[in-house]
Protein backbone atom coordinates (compact mmCIF):
# COMPACT_ATOMS: atom_id res chain seq x y z
CA MET A 1 98.80 -108.44 144.48
CA GLY A 2 95.70 -110.08 143.09
CA LEU A 3 93.51 -107.02 143.60
CA PRO A 4 95.70 -104.53 141.63
CA LEU A 5 96.02 -107.08 138.78
CA ALA A 6 92.25 -107.50 138.77
CA LEU A 7 91.69 -103.78 138.68
CA LEU A 8 94.22 -103.38 135.82
CA ALA A 9 92.42 -106.13 133.85
CA LEU A 10 89.01 -104.52 134.54
CA ALA A 11 90.33 -101.18 133.41
CA ALA A 12 91.78 -102.64 130.23
CA LEU A 13 88.45 -104.43 129.45
CA GLY A 14 86.55 -101.20 129.95
CA ALA A 15 88.89 -99.25 127.67
CA ALA A 16 88.59 -102.01 125.04
CA ALA A 17 84.78 -101.98 125.28
CA GLY A 18 84.66 -98.20 125.04
CA GLY A 19 86.81 -97.82 121.93
CA GLY A 20 85.77 -98.31 118.31
CA ALA A 21 82.76 -97.55 116.15
CA GLY A 22 79.23 -97.77 117.44
CA ARG A 23 79.87 -96.27 120.82
CA GLY A 24 78.99 -92.83 122.15
CA ALA A 25 76.04 -90.59 122.16
CA GLU A 26 73.90 -89.71 119.17
CA GLY A 27 75.72 -87.30 117.02
CA ALA A 28 79.15 -88.27 118.29
CA ALA A 29 81.71 -89.12 115.56
CA GLN A 30 84.01 -92.08 115.59
CA ALA A 31 86.96 -92.38 113.31
CA GLY A 32 89.77 -94.75 112.26
CA ARG A 33 91.97 -95.96 109.41
CA PHE A 34 92.41 -99.10 107.35
CA SER A 35 94.30 -100.37 104.28
CA THR A 36 92.84 -102.45 101.43
CA PRO A 37 94.64 -105.41 99.69
CA GLU A 38 95.37 -103.06 96.81
CA GLN A 39 97.30 -100.85 99.32
CA HIS A 40 94.74 -97.96 99.38
CA ARG A 41 95.16 -96.18 102.75
CA CYS A 42 91.74 -95.09 103.93
CA SER A 43 90.48 -93.04 106.84
CA TRP A 44 86.90 -93.23 107.93
CA GLU A 45 84.55 -91.19 110.09
CA LEU A 46 81.14 -92.26 111.29
CA ARG A 47 78.45 -89.72 112.14
CA SER A 48 75.01 -90.65 113.45
CA ALA A 49 71.99 -88.43 114.03
CA ALA A 50 68.26 -89.06 114.17
CA GLY A 51 68.48 -92.72 113.30
CA ALA A 52 70.53 -92.27 110.13
CA SER A 53 74.24 -92.97 109.99
CA GLU A 54 76.77 -91.69 107.53
CA LEU A 55 80.15 -93.33 107.02
CA ARG A 56 82.60 -90.99 105.25
CA LEU A 57 85.71 -92.31 103.58
CA SER A 58 88.76 -90.73 102.22
CA CYS A 59 91.26 -93.05 100.45
CA ARG A 60 94.73 -92.46 99.03
CA PRO A 61 96.01 -94.88 96.41
CA PRO A 62 99.51 -96.42 96.64
CA ALA A 63 102.41 -94.10 95.69
CA GLY A 64 101.98 -92.97 92.09
CA GLY A 65 98.50 -94.51 91.84
CA GLY A 66 96.49 -91.39 91.13
CA ALA A 67 94.46 -88.90 93.17
CA ALA A 68 92.76 -89.46 96.54
CA ARG A 69 89.00 -90.19 96.45
CA SER A 70 86.34 -89.48 98.97
CA CYS A 71 82.84 -90.83 99.35
CA ALA A 72 80.12 -91.42 101.83
CA TYR A 73 77.67 -94.25 102.61
CA ARG A 74 74.34 -93.56 104.33
CA GLY A 75 71.70 -95.82 105.89
CA GLU A 76 69.57 -96.46 108.89
CA PRO A 77 71.19 -99.43 110.76
CA GLY A 78 68.89 -98.83 113.76
CA ARG A 79 66.12 -100.41 111.74
CA CYS A 80 67.90 -103.72 112.08
CA PRO A 81 66.60 -105.57 115.17
CA ALA A 82 70.08 -106.91 116.08
CA TYR A 83 71.75 -103.50 115.81
CA GLY A 84 70.68 -102.20 119.21
CA GLY A 85 72.69 -104.62 121.29
CA ARG A 86 75.45 -105.37 118.73
CA SER A 87 76.27 -102.03 117.10
CA ARG A 88 80.07 -102.49 117.61
CA GLN A 89 79.85 -105.81 115.81
CA TYR A 90 77.75 -104.24 113.05
CA TRP A 91 80.35 -101.50 112.31
CA ARG A 92 83.26 -104.02 112.54
CA GLN A 93 81.54 -106.12 109.86
CA ILE A 94 80.85 -103.11 107.65
CA LEU A 95 84.44 -101.83 107.86
CA GLY A 96 85.72 -105.39 107.24
CA ARG A 97 83.67 -105.52 104.06
CA LEU A 98 85.08 -102.24 102.89
CA ARG A 99 88.59 -103.38 103.76
CA ARG A 100 88.24 -106.55 101.72
CA ARG A 101 86.61 -105.05 98.59
CA ARG A 102 88.35 -106.02 95.39
CA ARG A 103 87.72 -102.60 93.98
CA HIS A 104 88.31 -99.17 95.51
CA PRO A 105 86.11 -98.70 98.65
CA CYS A 106 84.41 -95.71 96.99
CA ALA A 107 83.57 -97.64 93.72
CA ARG A 108 79.96 -98.21 92.89
CA GLY A 109 78.69 -101.57 93.99
CA ALA A 110 76.03 -103.31 95.97
CA PRO A 111 74.84 -101.70 99.24
CA LEU A 112 76.84 -102.56 102.28
CA SER A 113 75.21 -104.72 104.95
CA ALA A 114 76.58 -106.48 108.03
CA ARG A 115 76.03 -110.24 108.27
CA LEU A 116 73.90 -109.77 111.37
CA CYS A 117 71.61 -107.32 109.46
CA GLY A 118 71.82 -108.80 105.99
CA PRO A 119 68.99 -109.24 103.42
CA GLY A 120 65.97 -111.00 105.05
CA ARG A 121 67.02 -110.00 108.61
CA ALA A 122 66.46 -106.24 108.26
CA PRO A 123 64.63 -103.89 105.93
CA PRO A 124 66.55 -102.44 102.96
CA GLU A 125 66.84 -99.06 104.65
CA ALA A 126 69.32 -100.69 107.22
CA GLN A 127 71.83 -101.14 104.36
CA LEU A 128 74.42 -98.46 103.73
CA ARG A 129 74.19 -97.03 100.18
CA LEU A 130 76.87 -95.09 98.42
CA LEU A 131 75.84 -91.45 98.10
CA PRO A 132 76.27 -89.78 94.71
CA ALA A 133 79.53 -87.95 94.35
CA PRO A 134 79.30 -84.21 94.55
CA GLY A 135 79.99 -82.68 91.18
CA PRO A 136 79.33 -79.63 89.17
CA ALA A 137 75.75 -78.47 89.20
CA PRO A 138 73.92 -79.66 86.05
CA GLU A 139 73.26 -76.85 83.70
CA PRO A 140 69.66 -76.44 82.56
CA SER A 141 69.32 -77.72 79.03
CA GLU A 142 67.45 -75.71 76.58
CA ALA A 143 64.82 -77.62 74.72
CA PRO A 144 65.55 -77.67 71.01
CA ALA A 145 62.29 -75.92 70.20
CA GLU A 146 62.91 -72.99 72.47
CA PRO A 147 64.82 -70.82 69.93
CA TYR A 148 62.37 -71.52 67.07
CA CYS A 149 58.91 -71.39 68.67
CA ALA A 150 56.71 -68.76 70.28
CA GLU A 151 55.45 -69.77 73.73
CA ARG A 152 51.86 -70.05 72.42
CA TRP A 153 52.78 -72.74 69.88
CA HIS A 154 55.55 -74.32 71.92
CA SER A 155 54.09 -77.84 72.28
CA LEU A 156 53.25 -78.21 68.59
CA CYS A 157 56.43 -76.65 67.47
CA ARG A 158 58.47 -78.88 69.85
CA PHE A 159 56.92 -81.90 68.21
CA PHE A 160 58.06 -80.79 64.70
CA VAL A 161 61.48 -79.72 65.79
CA GLY A 162 62.01 -83.00 67.62
CA PHE A 163 60.91 -84.89 64.50
CA TRP A 164 63.23 -82.78 62.32
CA GLU A 165 66.29 -83.27 64.63
CA GLY A 166 65.65 -87.03 64.73
């Protein structure tokens, strides 16, 4: 009876070690869910390729709390010396920081770093930074001098129009 129990325990340990963020081949995605103290329900997905990692979040506020928000963090955790052998711990620490944030997980703030790869232990590229939110494409703004000046006199005219408009 000792051998089957030992095999069962070994299988359980293998399954526990294999699950979670940080495992798998390059390019493989890991995913999960968490809730914040403010009751935001978030799902996350981790994608890694060519040394860079991107953590995508999608969070729903508590009932009646507004619209869902999505964001992504990107960094190069492989530049941290401790990451190679402890990548699972790295991602647990990152997700723990997001889970405990006082603001929404997609709110602007300091870059995310795990304790084992914090400032002074790894280059700044190892930190995860919030990517700018996709929005409408900025429209090209017309310089105030454009409608008034011929191309030949554009720089001089732009000076006077700028002076006039304050």
